[in-house]
Amino acid sequence: MFYFCSMLFDSPNTWPKPPDALPHAMLELPPNGARVTVAGLVLVRQRPGTANGVIFITLEDETGVCNVIVWRKLYERYRRAVIAGRMLRVTGRIQREGAVCHVIAEHVEDISFMLDDLLLPEASRATEQP
């Protein structure tokens, strides 16, 4: 099953921005291994020398943070988004180990262009919602 916010909210007006992304505060709801989409501002990118090319990204939305793991092969495909994106939407599988929850990336999308909406007056943003 694929989890995203349209399954969890009553009306489109209550969906978080960007659409179809699970708020980080709700990451405990889907079962281990479920496919989810998360989005947020990139807080941290880490590529430790001991991690064999694995990249760890921390995303933040208005409800909390999310840890994303990008394997080397996937990094090669989405290199530009992973390196330069200030805001990302990531689709992948949830992996839990104890209290720690990660999203293992399958698709990475740079949605930094959405940050420009923050400069619009509140009234303009409300009318441009899909």
N, C-alpha and C. Protein backbone atom coordinates (compact mmCIF):
# COMPACT_ATOMS: atom_id res chain seq x y z
N MET A 1 0.84 -1.18 0.00
CA MET A 1 0.00 0.00 0.00
C MET A 1 0.88 1.24 0.00
N PHE A 2 0.43 2.28 -0.65
CA PHE A 2 1.18 3.53 -0.77
C PHE A 2 0.52 4.56 0.13
N TYR A 3 1.27 5.14 1.05
CA TYR A 3 0.73 6.10 2.00
C TYR A 3 1.10 7.51 1.59
N PHE A 4 0.12 8.36 1.51
CA PHE A 4 0.37 9.78 1.34
C PHE A 4 -0.80 10.53 1.93
N CYS A 5 -0.68 11.85 2.02
CA CYS A 5 -1.61 12.62 2.83
C CYS A 5 -3.05 12.57 2.34
N SER A 6 -3.31 12.35 1.06
CA SER A 6 -4.71 12.36 0.62
C SER A 6 -5.50 11.22 1.25
N MET A 7 -4.81 10.18 1.72
CA MET A 7 -5.49 9.09 2.40
C MET A 7 -5.76 9.44 3.87
N LEU A 8 -5.06 10.43 4.39
CA LEU A 8 -5.11 10.67 5.82
C LEU A 8 -5.86 11.93 6.22
N PHE A 9 -6.22 12.77 5.26
CA PHE A 9 -6.89 14.02 5.56
C PHE A 9 -8.28 14.02 4.94
N ASP A 10 -9.19 14.77 5.56
CA ASP A 10 -10.58 14.78 5.12
C ASP A 10 -10.82 15.59 3.86
N SER A 11 -10.16 16.72 3.71
CA SER A 11 -10.42 17.54 2.54
C SER A 11 -9.11 18.06 1.98
N PRO A 12 -9.10 18.36 0.67
CA PRO A 12 -7.88 18.86 0.06
C PRO A 12 -7.37 20.15 0.70
N ASN A 13 -8.25 20.93 1.34
CA ASN A 13 -7.82 22.18 1.95
C ASN A 13 -6.93 21.95 3.16
N THR A 14 -6.94 20.75 3.75
CA THR A 14 -6.11 20.48 4.91
C THR A 14 -4.82 19.78 4.54
N TRP A 15 -4.59 19.52 3.27
CA TRP A 15 -3.36 18.85 2.86
C TRP A 15 -2.17 19.76 3.10
N PRO A 16 -1.06 19.20 3.54
CA PRO A 16 0.14 20.01 3.71
C PRO A 16 0.74 20.33 2.35
N LYS A 17 1.57 21.35 2.31
CA LYS A 17 2.32 21.63 1.09
C LYS A 17 3.65 20.92 1.22
N PRO A 18 4.18 20.34 0.20
CA PRO A 18 3.62 20.09 -1.11
C PRO A 18 2.58 18.97 -1.05
N PRO A 19 1.67 18.94 -2.03
CA PRO A 19 0.61 17.93 -2.01
C PRO A 19 1.17 16.52 -2.13
N ASP A 20 0.43 15.59 -1.61
CA ASP A 20 0.74 14.17 -1.67
C ASP A 20 2.02 13.78 -0.93
N ALA A 21 2.35 14.52 0.11
CA ALA A 21 3.50 14.16 0.94
C ALA A 21 3.01 13.91 2.37
N LEU A 22 3.48 12.84 2.95
CA LEU A 22 3.11 12.48 4.32
C LEU A 22 3.83 13.40 5.29
N PRO A 23 3.10 14.09 6.16
CA PRO A 23 3.78 14.92 7.16
C PRO A 23 4.70 14.06 8.03
N HIS A 24 5.84 14.58 8.38
CA HIS A 24 6.82 13.80 9.12
C HIS A 24 6.30 13.32 10.47
N ALA A 25 5.39 14.06 11.07
CA ALA A 25 4.82 13.64 12.35
C ALA A 25 3.98 12.38 12.21
N MET A 26 3.61 12.01 10.99
CA MET A 26 2.77 10.83 10.77
C MET A 26 3.55 9.62 10.26
N LEU A 27 4.87 9.69 10.28
CA LEU A 27 5.68 8.59 9.77
C LEU A 27 5.56 7.31 10.60
N GLU A 28 5.03 7.42 11.81
CA GLU A 28 4.87 6.21 12.62
C GLU A 28 3.63 5.41 12.21
N LEU A 29 2.75 5.98 11.39
CA LEU A 29 1.51 5.29 11.01
C LEU A 29 1.70 4.16 10.01
N PRO A 30 2.41 4.37 8.90
CA PRO A 30 2.56 3.26 7.94
C PRO A 30 3.44 2.16 8.52
N PRO A 31 3.19 0.91 8.12
CA PRO A 31 4.00 -0.20 8.61
C PRO A 31 5.40 -0.18 8.01
N ASN A 32 6.30 -0.90 8.65
CA ASN A 32 7.67 -1.04 8.14
C ASN A 32 7.62 -1.60 6.71
N GLY A 33 8.37 -0.97 5.81
CA GLY A 33 8.40 -1.41 4.42
C GLY A 33 7.37 -0.73 3.53
N ALA A 34 6.47 0.07 4.11
CA ALA A 34 5.45 0.75 3.31
C ALA A 34 6.11 1.81 2.42
N ARG A 35 5.54 2.03 1.26
CA ARG A 35 6.04 3.05 0.33
C ARG A 35 5.36 4.37 0.68
N VAL A 36 6.16 5.41 0.89
CA VAL A 36 5.65 6.73 1.28
C VAL A 36 6.32 7.81 0.45
N THR A 37 5.72 8.98 0.47
CA THR A 37 6.32 10.18 -0.09
C THR A 37 6.42 11.21 1.02
N VAL A 38 7.61 11.76 1.19
CA VAL A 38 7.85 12.81 2.18
C VAL A 38 8.48 13.99 1.46
N ALA A 39 8.37 15.16 2.07
CA ALA A 39 8.97 16.35 1.48
C ALA A 39 9.39 17.30 2.58
N GLY A 40 10.37 18.12 2.27
CA GLY A 40 10.79 19.10 3.25
C GLY A 40 12.05 19.83 2.85
N LEU A 41 12.40 20.79 3.68
CA LEU A 41 13.63 21.53 3.49
C LEU A 41 14.82 20.64 3.84
N VAL A 42 15.88 20.75 3.08
CA VAL A 42 17.09 19.97 3.37
C VAL A 42 17.84 20.67 4.50
N LEU A 43 17.96 19.98 5.62
CA LEU A 43 18.72 20.51 6.75
C LEU A 43 20.18 20.08 6.67
N VAL A 44 20.38 18.79 6.38
CA VAL A 44 21.72 18.22 6.41
C VAL A 44 21.87 17.19 5.29
N ARG A 45 23.04 17.22 4.65
CA ARG A 45 23.45 16.16 3.71
C ARG A 45 24.77 15.62 4.25
N GLN A 46 24.85 14.30 4.39
CA GLN A 46 26.08 13.70 4.88
C GLN A 46 26.49 12.57 3.94
N ARG A 47 27.78 12.53 3.63
CA ARG A 47 28.32 11.44 2.82
C ARG A 47 29.62 10.99 3.48
N PRO A 48 29.48 10.22 4.56
CA PRO A 48 30.68 9.79 5.29
C PRO A 48 31.57 8.92 4.41
N GLY A 49 32.87 9.07 4.57
CA GLY A 49 33.82 8.27 3.80
C GLY A 49 33.70 6.78 4.07
N THR A 50 33.18 6.43 5.22
CA THR A 50 33.04 5.01 5.59
C THR A 50 31.72 4.41 5.14
N ALA A 51 30.88 5.18 4.45
CA ALA A 51 29.54 4.71 4.09
C ALA A 51 29.44 4.19 2.66
N ASN A 52 30.56 3.98 1.98
CA ASN A 52 30.56 3.43 0.62
C ASN A 52 29.65 4.18 -0.34
N GLY A 53 29.67 5.50 -0.29
CA GLY A 53 28.89 6.30 -1.24
C GLY A 53 27.45 6.53 -0.85
N VAL A 54 27.02 6.03 0.29
CA VAL A 54 25.65 6.26 0.75
C VAL A 54 25.54 7.70 1.25
N ILE A 55 24.42 8.36 0.92
CA ILE A 55 24.18 9.73 1.37
C ILE A 55 23.02 9.73 2.33
N PHE A 56 23.18 10.44 3.43
CA PHE A 56 22.14 10.60 4.43
C PHE A 56 21.65 12.04 4.36
N ILE A 57 20.34 12.21 4.23
CA ILE A 57 19.74 13.53 4.13
C ILE A 57 18.71 13.67 5.26
N THR A 58 18.71 14.82 5.90
CA THR A 58 17.68 15.12 6.89
C THR A 58 16.78 16.20 6.31
N LEU A 59 15.49 15.89 6.22
CA LEU A 59 14.48 16.83 5.72
C LEU A 59 13.65 17.32 6.90
N GLU A 60 13.16 18.55 6.79
CA GLU A 60 12.29 19.11 7.82
C GLU A 60 11.05 19.69 7.17
N ASP A 61 9.89 19.35 7.73
CA ASP A 61 8.65 20.04 7.36
C ASP A 61 8.11 20.71 8.61
N GLU A 62 6.89 21.24 8.54
CA GLU A 62 6.35 21.97 9.68
C GLU A 62 6.02 21.08 10.88
N THR A 63 6.10 19.74 10.70
CA THR A 63 5.74 18.84 11.79
C THR A 63 6.93 18.11 12.40
N GLY A 64 8.10 18.19 11.78
CA GLY A 64 9.26 17.49 12.32
C GLY A 64 10.30 17.20 11.26
N VAL A 65 11.18 16.24 11.57
CA VAL A 65 12.26 15.88 10.66
C VAL A 65 12.11 14.44 10.18
N CYS A 66 12.76 14.15 9.06
CA CYS A 66 12.72 12.83 8.46
C CYS A 66 14.12 12.49 7.98
N ASN A 67 14.58 11.29 8.24
CA ASN A 67 15.88 10.82 7.78
C ASN A 67 15.71 10.05 6.48
N VAL A 68 16.49 10.41 5.47
CA VAL A 68 16.42 9.76 4.16
C VAL A 68 17.78 9.14 3.85
N ILE A 69 17.76 7.92 3.33
CA ILE A 69 18.98 7.24 2.89
C ILE A 69 18.93 7.11 1.38
N VAL A 70 20.00 7.58 0.72
CA VAL A 70 20.10 7.51 -0.73
C VAL A 70 21.29 6.59 -1.05
N TRP A 71 21.00 5.42 -1.63
CA TRP A 71 22.06 4.49 -2.00
C TRP A 71 22.83 5.03 -3.19
N ARG A 72 24.06 4.59 -3.36
CA ARG A 72 24.98 5.09 -4.39
C ARG A 72 24.37 5.05 -5.79
N LYS A 73 23.76 3.94 -6.17
CA LYS A 73 23.18 3.82 -7.51
C LYS A 73 22.08 4.86 -7.75
N LEU A 74 21.25 5.07 -6.76
CA LEU A 74 20.18 6.06 -6.87
C LEU A 74 20.75 7.47 -6.90
N TYR A 75 21.80 7.69 -6.14
CA TYR A 75 22.46 9.00 -6.12
C TYR A 75 22.94 9.37 -7.53
N GLU A 76 23.48 8.41 -8.25
CA GLU A 76 23.96 8.67 -9.61
C GLU A 76 22.82 9.13 -10.52
N ARG A 77 21.63 8.58 -10.33
CA ARG A 77 20.48 8.96 -11.15
C ARG A 77 19.94 10.33 -10.78
N TYR A 78 19.89 10.67 -9.50
CA TYR A 78 19.29 11.91 -9.02
C TYR A 78 20.34 12.86 -8.45
N ARG A 79 21.53 12.79 -8.95
CA ARG A 79 22.67 13.56 -8.42
C ARG A 79 22.37 15.05 -8.26
N ARG A 80 21.84 15.66 -9.30
CA ARG A 80 21.60 17.11 -9.25
C ARG A 80 20.63 17.48 -8.12
N ALA A 81 19.52 16.74 -8.00
CA ALA A 81 18.54 17.02 -6.94
C ALA A 81 19.15 16.80 -5.56
N VAL A 82 19.89 15.70 -5.40
CA VAL A 82 20.47 15.36 -4.10
C VAL A 82 21.51 16.40 -3.67
N ILE A 83 22.31 16.86 -4.61
CA ILE A 83 23.38 17.81 -4.27
C ILE A 83 22.87 19.23 -4.12
N ALA A 84 22.01 19.67 -5.05
CA ALA A 84 21.66 21.09 -5.11
C ALA A 84 20.29 21.44 -4.54
N GLY A 85 19.42 20.47 -4.36
CA GLY A 85 18.06 20.76 -3.91
C GLY A 85 18.01 21.36 -2.52
N ARG A 86 17.29 22.46 -2.38
CA ARG A 86 17.08 23.06 -1.06
C ARG A 86 15.82 22.50 -0.42
N MET A 87 14.89 22.01 -1.27
CA MET A 87 13.66 21.39 -0.81
C MET A 87 13.43 20.17 -1.70
N LEU A 88 13.21 19.01 -1.09
CA LEU A 88 13.09 17.76 -1.85
C LEU A 88 11.79 17.05 -1.53
N ARG A 89 11.30 16.32 -2.54
CA ARG A 89 10.21 15.36 -2.33
C ARG A 89 10.84 14.00 -2.62
N VAL A 90 10.72 13.07 -1.67
CA VAL A 90 11.35 11.76 -1.78
C VAL A 90 10.29 10.68 -1.63
N THR A 91 10.30 9.75 -2.55
CA THR A 91 9.43 8.58 -2.45
C THR A 91 10.33 7.39 -2.18
N GLY A 92 9.91 6.58 -1.22
CA GLY A 92 10.70 5.41 -0.87
C GLY A 92 10.00 4.54 0.16
N ARG A 93 10.74 3.62 0.71
CA ARG A 93 10.20 2.65 1.68
C ARG A 93 10.65 3.02 3.10
N ILE A 94 9.73 2.86 4.02
CA ILE A 94 10.05 3.10 5.44
C ILE A 94 10.86 1.93 5.97
N GLN A 95 11.90 2.25 6.71
CA GLN A 95 12.70 1.24 7.39
C GLN A 95 12.82 1.66 8.85
N ARG A 96 12.40 0.78 9.74
CA ARG A 96 12.46 1.07 11.17
C ARG A 96 13.43 0.13 11.85
N GLU A 97 14.22 0.71 12.75
CA GLU A 97 15.09 -0.06 13.62
C GLU A 97 14.94 0.54 15.00
N GLY A 98 14.15 -0.11 15.83
CA GLY A 98 13.83 0.44 17.15
C GLY A 98 13.02 1.71 16.99
N ALA A 99 13.46 2.78 17.63
CA ALA A 99 12.74 4.05 17.57
C ALA A 99 13.15 4.90 16.37
N VAL A 100 14.16 4.43 15.62
CA VAL A 100 14.67 5.20 14.49
C VAL A 100 13.93 4.81 13.21
N CYS A 101 13.50 5.83 12.47
CA CYS A 101 12.75 5.62 11.23
C CYS A 101 13.49 6.32 10.09
N HIS A 102 13.72 5.61 9.00
CA HIS A 102 14.36 6.17 7.81
C HIS A 102 13.44 5.93 6.63
N VAL A 103 13.61 6.75 5.60
CA VAL A 103 12.98 6.49 4.31
C VAL A 103 14.11 6.14 3.36
N ILE A 104 14.05 4.93 2.79
CA ILE A 104 15.04 4.49 1.81
C ILE A 104 14.57 4.99 0.45
N ALA A 105 15.28 5.96 -0.10
CA ALA A 105 14.84 6.66 -1.31
C ALA A 105 14.78 5.74 -2.52
N GLU A 106 13.70 5.92 -3.31
CA GLU A 106 13.54 5.27 -4.61
C GLU A 106 13.45 6.32 -5.72
N HIS A 107 12.94 7.51 -5.36
CA HIS A 107 12.81 8.62 -6.31
C HIS A 107 13.04 9.92 -5.55
N VAL A 108 13.86 10.78 -6.11
CA VAL A 108 14.17 12.06 -5.47
C VAL A 108 13.83 13.17 -6.46
N GLU A 109 13.07 14.15 -5.99
CA GLU A 109 12.65 15.27 -6.84
C GLU A 109 13.00 16.59 -6.16
N ASP A 110 13.65 17.47 -6.91
CA ASP A 110 13.97 18.81 -6.41
C ASP A 110 12.73 19.68 -6.58
N ILE A 111 12.17 20.14 -5.48
CA ILE A 111 10.99 21.01 -5.53
C ILE A 111 11.31 22.37 -4.92
N SER A 112 12.56 22.78 -5.06
CA SER A 112 13.01 24.07 -4.52
C SER A 112 12.22 25.23 -5.09
N PHE A 113 11.70 25.08 -6.31
CA PHE A 113 10.92 26.16 -6.92
C PHE A 113 9.71 26.53 -6.07
N MET A 114 9.22 25.62 -5.25
CA MET A 114 8.06 25.90 -4.41
C MET A 114 8.39 26.91 -3.32
N LEU A 115 9.66 27.09 -3.01
CA LEU A 115 10.05 28.06 -2.00
C LEU A 115 9.72 29.48 -2.43
N ASP A 116 9.65 29.71 -3.74
CA ASP A 116 9.29 31.04 -4.24
C ASP A 116 7.89 31.45 -3.79
N ASP A 117 7.01 30.47 -3.55
CA ASP A 117 5.65 30.78 -3.09
C ASP A 117 5.64 31.45 -1.73
N LEU A 118 6.70 31.25 -0.96
CA LEU A 118 6.75 31.87 0.36
C LEU A 118 6.82 33.39 0.28
N LEU A 119 7.26 33.90 -0.87
CA LEU A 119 7.36 35.34 -1.05
C LEU A 119 6.03 35.97 -1.45
N LEU A 120 5.06 35.13 -1.89
CA LEU A 120 3.76 35.65 -2.28
C LEU A 120 2.93 36.01 -1.06
N PRO A 121 2.07 37.02 -1.18
CA PRO A 121 1.15 37.33 -0.07
C PRO A 121 0.24 36.12 0.19
N GLU A 122 -0.20 35.97 1.40
CA GLU A 122 -1.03 34.83 1.81
C GLU A 122 -2.25 34.66 0.91
N ALA A 123 -2.91 35.74 0.53
CA ALA A 123 -4.10 35.66 -0.32
C ALA A 123 -3.78 35.06 -1.67
N SER A 124 -2.63 35.38 -2.25
CA SER A 124 -2.23 34.83 -3.55
C SER A 124 -1.97 33.35 -3.46
N ARG A 125 -1.34 32.91 -2.39
CA ARG A 125 -1.04 31.49 -2.23
C ARG A 125 -2.32 30.68 -2.14
N ALA A 126 -3.32 31.17 -1.45
CA ALA A 126 -4.58 30.44 -1.27
C ALA A 126 -5.29 30.25 -2.61
N THR A 127 -5.23 31.23 -3.49
CA THR A 127 -5.93 31.11 -4.77
C THR A 127 -5.18 30.25 -5.77
N GLU A 128 -3.87 30.04 -5.59
CA GLU A 128 -3.09 29.25 -6.52
C GLU A 128 -3.01 27.79 -6.16
N GLN A 129 -3.61 27.37 -5.06
CA GLN A 129 -3.59 25.97 -4.65
C GLN A 129 -4.27 25.10 -5.68
N PRO A 130 -3.69 23.94 -6.03
CA PRO A 130 -4.34 23.02 -6.98
C PRO A 130 -5.57 22.38 -6.41
